[in-house]
N, C-alpha and C. Protein backbone atom coordinates (compact mmCIF):
# COMPACT_ATOMS: atom_id res chain seq x y z
N MET A 1 0.85 -1.37 0.01
CA MET A 1 -0.07 -0.08 0.07
C MET A 1 1.25 0.75 0.14
N ARG A 2 0.26 2.25 -1.19
CA ARG A 2 1.47 3.11 -0.91
C ARG A 2 0.46 4.59 -0.49
N TRP A 3 0.69 5.76 0.24
CA TRP A 3 0.34 7.16 0.42
C TRP A 3 0.96 7.98 0.38
N ALA A 4 0.17 9.45 -0.23
CA ALA A 4 0.88 10.31 -0.12
C ALA A 4 -0.34 11.63 0.91
N LEU A 5 0.42 12.14 2.04
CA LEU A 5 -0.57 12.64 2.62
C LEU A 5 0.13 14.02 2.97
N ALA A 6 -0.65 15.17 3.18
CA ALA A 6 0.02 16.41 3.12
C ALA A 6 1.12 16.55 4.68
N GLU A 7 0.63 15.39 5.90
CA GLU A 7 1.33 15.76 7.12
C GLU A 7 1.42 14.37 7.37
N PRO A 8 2.05 14.14 8.14
CA PRO A 8 2.68 12.79 8.34
C PRO A 8 1.21 12.32 9.35
N PRO A 9 1.02 11.19 9.72
CA PRO A 9 0.00 11.28 10.42
C PRO A 9 0.25 10.36 11.81
N SER A 10 -0.19 10.57 12.93
CA SER A 10 0.02 9.86 13.70
C SER A 10 -0.22 8.18 13.94
N ARG A 11 -1.02 7.77 12.84
CA ARG A 11 -1.42 6.48 12.72
C ARG A 11 -1.99 6.10 11.80
N LEU A 12 -2.25 5.26 10.90
CA LEU A 12 -2.77 4.63 9.59
C LEU A 12 -3.80 3.28 10.14
N ALA A 13 -5.26 3.10 10.08
CA ALA A 13 -5.67 2.14 10.70
C ALA A 13 -6.33 1.71 8.92
N LEU A 14 -5.85 0.04 8.83
CA LEU A 14 -6.16 -0.49 7.58
C LEU A 14 -7.78 -1.56 8.16
N ARG A 15 -8.49 -1.71 7.12
CA ARG A 15 -9.73 -2.53 7.61
C ARG A 15 -9.81 -3.03 6.55
N LEU A 16 -10.19 -4.04 6.43
CA LEU A 16 -10.78 -5.34 5.60
C LEU A 16 -12.36 -5.40 5.79
N LEU A 17 -13.26 -4.96 5.12
CA LEU A 17 -14.67 -4.44 5.70
C LEU A 17 -15.73 -4.81 4.55
N TRP A 18 -17.12 -5.39 5.43
CA TRP A 18 -18.14 -5.83 4.08
C TRP A 18 -19.23 -4.62 4.40
N TYR A 19 -19.69 -3.90 3.34
CA TYR A 19 -21.25 -3.41 3.31
C TYR A 19 -22.22 -3.68 2.35
N THR A 20 -23.51 -3.63 2.96
CA THR A 20 -24.53 -3.37 2.47
C THR A 20 -24.63 -2.54 1.60
N THR A 21 -25.59 -1.85 0.10
CA THR A 21 -25.95 -1.11 -0.56
C THR A 21 -27.63 -1.15 -0.76
N GLY A 22 -28.45 -0.66 -1.19
CA GLY A 22 -29.66 -0.85 -1.68
C GLY A 22 -30.84 -0.15 -0.54
N LYS A 23 -31.98 -0.89 -0.89
CA LYS A 23 -33.20 -0.53 0.02
C LYS A 23 -32.71 -0.62 1.34
N GLY A 24 -33.33 -0.14 2.32
CA GLY A 24 -33.27 -0.62 3.56
C GLY A 24 -31.96 0.15 4.52
N ASP A 25 -31.55 -0.17 5.64
CA ASP A 25 -30.55 0.06 6.24
C ASP A 25 -29.08 -0.17 5.46
N GLN A 26 -28.44 0.29 5.75
CA GLN A 26 -26.93 0.01 5.37
C GLN A 26 -26.29 -1.03 6.63
N ASP A 27 -25.68 -2.05 6.25
CA ASP A 27 -24.68 -2.34 7.32
C ASP A 27 -23.62 -2.59 6.87
N VAL A 28 -22.54 -3.09 8.08
CA VAL A 28 -21.18 -2.93 7.54
C VAL A 28 -20.70 -3.63 9.01
N GLY A 29 -19.88 -4.35 8.56
CA GLY A 29 -18.80 -5.28 9.20
C GLY A 29 -17.50 -5.27 8.82
N VAL A 30 -16.95 -5.41 10.08
CA VAL A 30 -15.09 -5.21 10.14
C VAL A 30 -14.93 -6.50 10.19
N ALA A 31 -14.03 -7.24 9.40
CA ALA A 31 -13.59 -8.45 9.15
C ALA A 31 -12.14 -8.52 9.87
N GLU A 32 -11.33 -7.37 9.50
CA GLU A 32 -9.85 -7.57 10.18
C GLU A 32 -9.60 -6.04 10.06
N THR A 33 -8.49 -5.32 11.25
CA THR A 33 -8.07 -4.20 10.95
C THR A 33 -6.18 -4.38 11.55
N GLN A 34 -5.54 -3.38 10.86
CA GLN A 34 -4.36 -3.41 11.39
C GLN A 34 -4.32 -1.92 11.41
N GLU A 35 -3.39 -1.77 12.40
CA GLU A 35 -3.22 -0.17 12.89
C GLU A 35 -1.41 0.13 12.41
N LEU A 36 -1.28 0.83 11.93
CA LEU A 36 0.31 1.54 11.32
C LEU A 36 0.79 2.46 12.22
N ASP A 37 1.69 1.98 13.31
CA ASP A 37 2.43 3.25 13.98
C ASP A 37 3.39 4.29 13.24
N GLY A 38 3.18 5.43 13.62
CA GLY A 38 4.16 6.68 13.01
C GLY A 38 4.57 6.36 11.60
N PRO A 39 3.40 5.93 10.79
CA PRO A 39 3.98 6.10 9.63
C PRO A 39 4.48 7.80 8.81
N ALA A 40 4.93 7.88 8.02
CA ALA A 40 5.53 8.97 7.26
C ALA A 40 4.30 9.29 6.45
N ALA A 41 4.54 10.39 5.71
CA ALA A 41 3.33 11.61 5.19
C ALA A 41 3.31 10.90 3.72
N ARG A 42 4.46 10.30 3.43
CA ARG A 42 4.66 9.39 1.80
C ARG A 42 5.71 8.02 2.26
N GLU A 43 4.86 7.13 2.05
CA GLU A 43 5.43 5.96 2.45
C GLU A 43 5.07 4.75 1.44
N GLU A 44 5.38 3.34 1.44
CA GLU A 44 4.71 2.39 0.74
C GLU A 44 5.10 1.53 1.81
N ARG A 45 4.21 0.66 2.08
CA ARG A 45 4.56 -0.56 3.28
C ARG A 45 3.35 -1.51 2.63
N ARG A 46 4.27 -3.36 2.72
CA ARG A 46 3.55 -4.40 2.53
C ARG A 46 2.12 -4.79 3.90
N PHE A 47 1.06 -5.18 2.91
CA PHE A 47 0.40 -6.05 4.92
C PHE A 47 -0.62 -6.84 4.23
N ARG A 48 -0.85 -7.67 4.92
CA ARG A 48 -1.42 -8.87 4.44
C ARG A 48 -2.83 -9.36 5.08
N PHE A 49 -3.71 -9.53 4.64
CA PHE A 49 -5.58 -10.07 5.41
C PHE A 49 -5.03 -11.23 5.06
N ALA A 50 -6.36 -12.21 5.58
CA ALA A 50 -6.77 -12.97 5.34
C ALA A 50 -7.84 -13.14 4.96
N LEU A 51 -8.73 -13.64 3.97
CA LEU A 51 -10.01 -13.49 3.60
C LEU A 51 -10.73 -14.41 4.29
N PRO A 52 -11.54 -13.70 4.66
CA PRO A 52 -12.23 -15.19 4.84
C PRO A 52 -13.52 -16.09 4.15
N PRO A 53 -14.00 -17.47 4.32
CA PRO A 53 -14.62 -17.93 3.12
C PRO A 53 -15.84 -16.99 2.80
N ALA A 54 -16.10 -16.16 3.88
CA ALA A 54 -18.21 -15.89 3.44
C ALA A 54 -18.32 -14.68 4.29
N PRO A 55 -18.94 -13.61 4.30
CA PRO A 55 -20.15 -13.59 2.69
C PRO A 55 -19.66 -13.23 1.38
N HIS A 56 -19.55 -13.50 0.39
CA HIS A 56 -19.79 -13.70 -1.34
C HIS A 56 -19.71 -12.35 -1.68
N SER A 57 -19.42 -11.94 -2.21
CA SER A 57 -19.93 -10.47 -2.92
C SER A 57 -20.92 -10.52 -4.05
N PHE A 58 -21.83 -9.72 -3.55
CA PHE A 58 -23.50 -10.31 -4.90
C PHE A 58 -24.11 -8.80 -4.94
N SER A 59 -24.92 -8.88 -6.01
CA SER A 59 -25.58 -7.53 -6.09
C SER A 59 -26.48 -8.17 -7.09
N GLY A 60 -28.26 -7.78 -6.28
CA GLY A 60 -29.29 -8.19 -6.59
C GLY A 60 -29.98 -6.44 -6.74
N ALA A 61 -31.10 -6.83 -7.16
CA ALA A 61 -32.51 -5.85 -7.23
C ALA A 61 -32.40 -5.18 -6.27
N LEU A 62 -32.39 -5.21 -4.92
CA LEU A 62 -33.02 -4.84 -3.74
C LEU A 62 -31.63 -4.48 -2.65
N ILE A 63 -30.48 -4.82 -2.80
CA ILE A 63 -29.50 -5.08 -1.89
C ILE A 63 -28.06 -5.42 -2.69
N SER A 64 -27.61 -4.99 -2.34
CA SER A 64 -26.14 -5.64 -2.58
C SER A 64 -25.09 -5.45 -1.63
N GLN A 65 -24.05 -6.90 -1.92
CA GLN A 65 -23.20 -6.57 -0.19
C GLN A 65 -22.05 -6.74 -0.77
N GLN A 66 -21.02 -5.66 -0.17
CA GLN A 66 -19.75 -5.57 -1.20
C GLN A 66 -18.31 -5.93 -0.19
N TRP A 67 -17.19 -5.71 -0.31
CA TRP A 67 -16.49 -5.75 0.33
C TRP A 67 -14.98 -4.58 -0.08
N ALA A 68 -14.16 -4.37 0.59
CA ALA A 68 -13.65 -2.97 0.48
C ALA A 68 -12.01 -2.85 1.78
N LEU A 69 -11.07 -2.37 1.09
CA LEU A 69 -10.23 -1.92 2.29
C LEU A 69 -9.92 -0.92 2.02
N GLU A 70 -10.32 -0.06 3.07
CA GLU A 70 -10.12 1.30 3.70
C GLU A 70 -9.09 1.45 4.46
N ALA A 71 -8.44 2.25 4.06
CA ALA A 71 -6.95 3.43 5.08
C ALA A 71 -7.52 4.46 5.50
N THR A 72 -7.50 4.86 6.90
CA THR A 72 -7.80 6.26 7.53
C THR A 72 -6.32 6.54 8.56
N ALA A 73 -6.37 7.62 7.97
CA ALA A 73 -5.03 8.11 8.74
C ALA A 73 -5.94 8.98 9.80
N GLU A 74 -5.08 9.20 10.78
CA GLU A 74 -5.33 10.11 12.05
C GLU A 74 -4.14 10.70 12.58
N PRO A 75 -4.28 11.94 12.63
CA PRO A 75 -6.02 12.78 13.03
C PRO A 75 -5.99 13.04 11.71
N GLY A 76 -7.55 13.71 11.21
CA GLY A 76 -7.75 14.15 10.28
C GLY A 76 -9.25 13.91 9.80
N GLY A 77 -8.88 12.11 9.96
CA GLY A 77 -10.02 10.88 9.01
C GLY A 77 -9.87 11.56 7.91
N GLU A 78 -8.90 11.53 7.41
CA GLU A 78 -9.01 11.21 5.48
C GLU A 78 -8.88 9.72 5.21
N THR A 79 -9.69 9.45 4.39
CA THR A 79 -10.10 7.64 4.30
C THR A 79 -9.93 8.00 3.13
N ALA A 80 -8.98 6.60 2.50
CA ALA A 80 -9.53 5.86 1.02
C ALA A 80 -9.99 4.36 1.08
N ARG A 81 -10.29 4.49 0.05
CA ARG A 81 -11.46 2.89 -0.09
C ARG A 81 -11.00 2.15 -1.37
N VAL A 82 -10.76 0.95 -1.22
CA VAL A 82 -10.35 0.12 -3.19
C VAL A 82 -11.70 -0.79 -2.37
N GLU A 83 -12.38 -0.82 -3.56
CA GLU A 83 -13.45 -2.11 -3.48
C GLU A 83 -12.92 -3.45 -4.04
N LEU A 84 -13.09 -4.72 -3.41
CA LEU A 84 -12.67 -5.83 -3.88
C LEU A 84 -13.89 -6.84 -3.87
N VAL A 85 -13.37 -7.59 -4.58
CA VAL A 85 -14.90 -9.22 -5.09
C VAL A 85 -14.39 -10.33 -4.25
N LEU A 86 -15.14 -10.51 -3.47
CA LEU A 86 -15.01 -12.17 -1.84
C LEU A 86 -15.34 -12.81 -3.04
N ALA A 87 -15.60 -13.47 -4.03
CA ALA A 87 -16.15 -14.66 -4.75
C ALA A 87 -15.61 -15.62 -5.26
N PRO A 88 -16.09 -16.86 -5.53
CA PRO A 88 -15.35 -17.78 -6.27
C PRO A 88 -15.11 -17.32 -7.29
N GLY A 89 -13.68 -17.66 -8.16
CA GLY A 89 -13.73 -17.20 -9.32
C GLY A 89 -13.19 -15.94 -9.76
N GLY A 90 -13.65 -15.10 -8.05
CA GLY A 90 -13.20 -13.12 -8.63
C GLY A 90 -14.23 -12.72 -8.99
N LEU A 91 -15.29 -13.54 -9.38
CA LEU A 91 -16.81 -12.97 -10.08
C LEU A 91 -17.84 -12.70 -9.00
N GLU A 92 -18.31 -11.37 -8.74
CA GLU A 92 -19.51 -10.84 -8.40
C GLU A 92 -21.00 -11.63 -8.72
N LYS A 93 -21.73 -12.42 -7.66
CA LYS A 93 -22.39 -13.10 -8.11
C LYS A 93 -23.73 -12.11 -8.38
N ARG A 94 -24.43 -12.02 -9.88
CA ARG A 94 -25.20 -11.37 -10.01
C ARG A 94 -26.85 -12.06 -9.68
N LEU A 95 -27.43 -11.04 -8.89
CA LEU A 95 -29.40 -12.40 -8.71
C LEU A 95 -29.86 -11.46 -9.34
N PRO A 96 -30.79 -12.61 -9.86
CA PRO A 96 -31.71 -12.71 -10.91
C PRO A 96 -33.03 -11.72 -10.38
N THR A 97 -33.23 -10.24 -11.22
CA THR A 97 -34.68 -10.16 -11.16
C THR A 97 -35.84 -11.01 -11.01
N ILE A 98 -36.59 -10.79 -9.62
CA ILE A 98 -38.02 -11.41 -9.87
C ILE A 98 -38.99 -11.18 -9.96
N THR A 99 -39.67 -11.51 -11.15
CA THR A 99 -41.12 -10.52 -11.40
C THR A 99 -41.99 -11.12 -10.74
N GLU A 100 -43.09 -10.98 -10.53
CA GLU A 100 -44.48 -11.27 -10.51
C GLU A 100 -45.19 -12.23 -11.62
N PRO A 101 -45.68 -13.66 -11.37
CA PRO A 101 -46.13 -14.27 -12.87
C PRO A 101 -47.42 -13.53 -13.29
N PRO A 102 -47.82 -13.69 -14.36
CA PRO A 102 -48.54 -12.83 -15.00
C PRO A 102 -50.11 -13.04 -14.51
């Protein structure tokens, strides 16, 4: 991971998280967090997260389940997010639209 900030943060938090989007309330869950203390304003570091076996990424007409890697610098809370797909074969499951019978 590489970052370039105006000021050196006191810490950088990396989170592997899932979230839902669509109709209704948004749910968010953090699968794993790593804290990087004393990072420089410009730096590159390696990290590793073990991806969980589920839940898989999917998109439907009413709700979608997504995964992301998020980095937050403190103080200030500047955040960057990269979307991920967690699914067999690396392909997000597309749920069919259900229609009412005639």
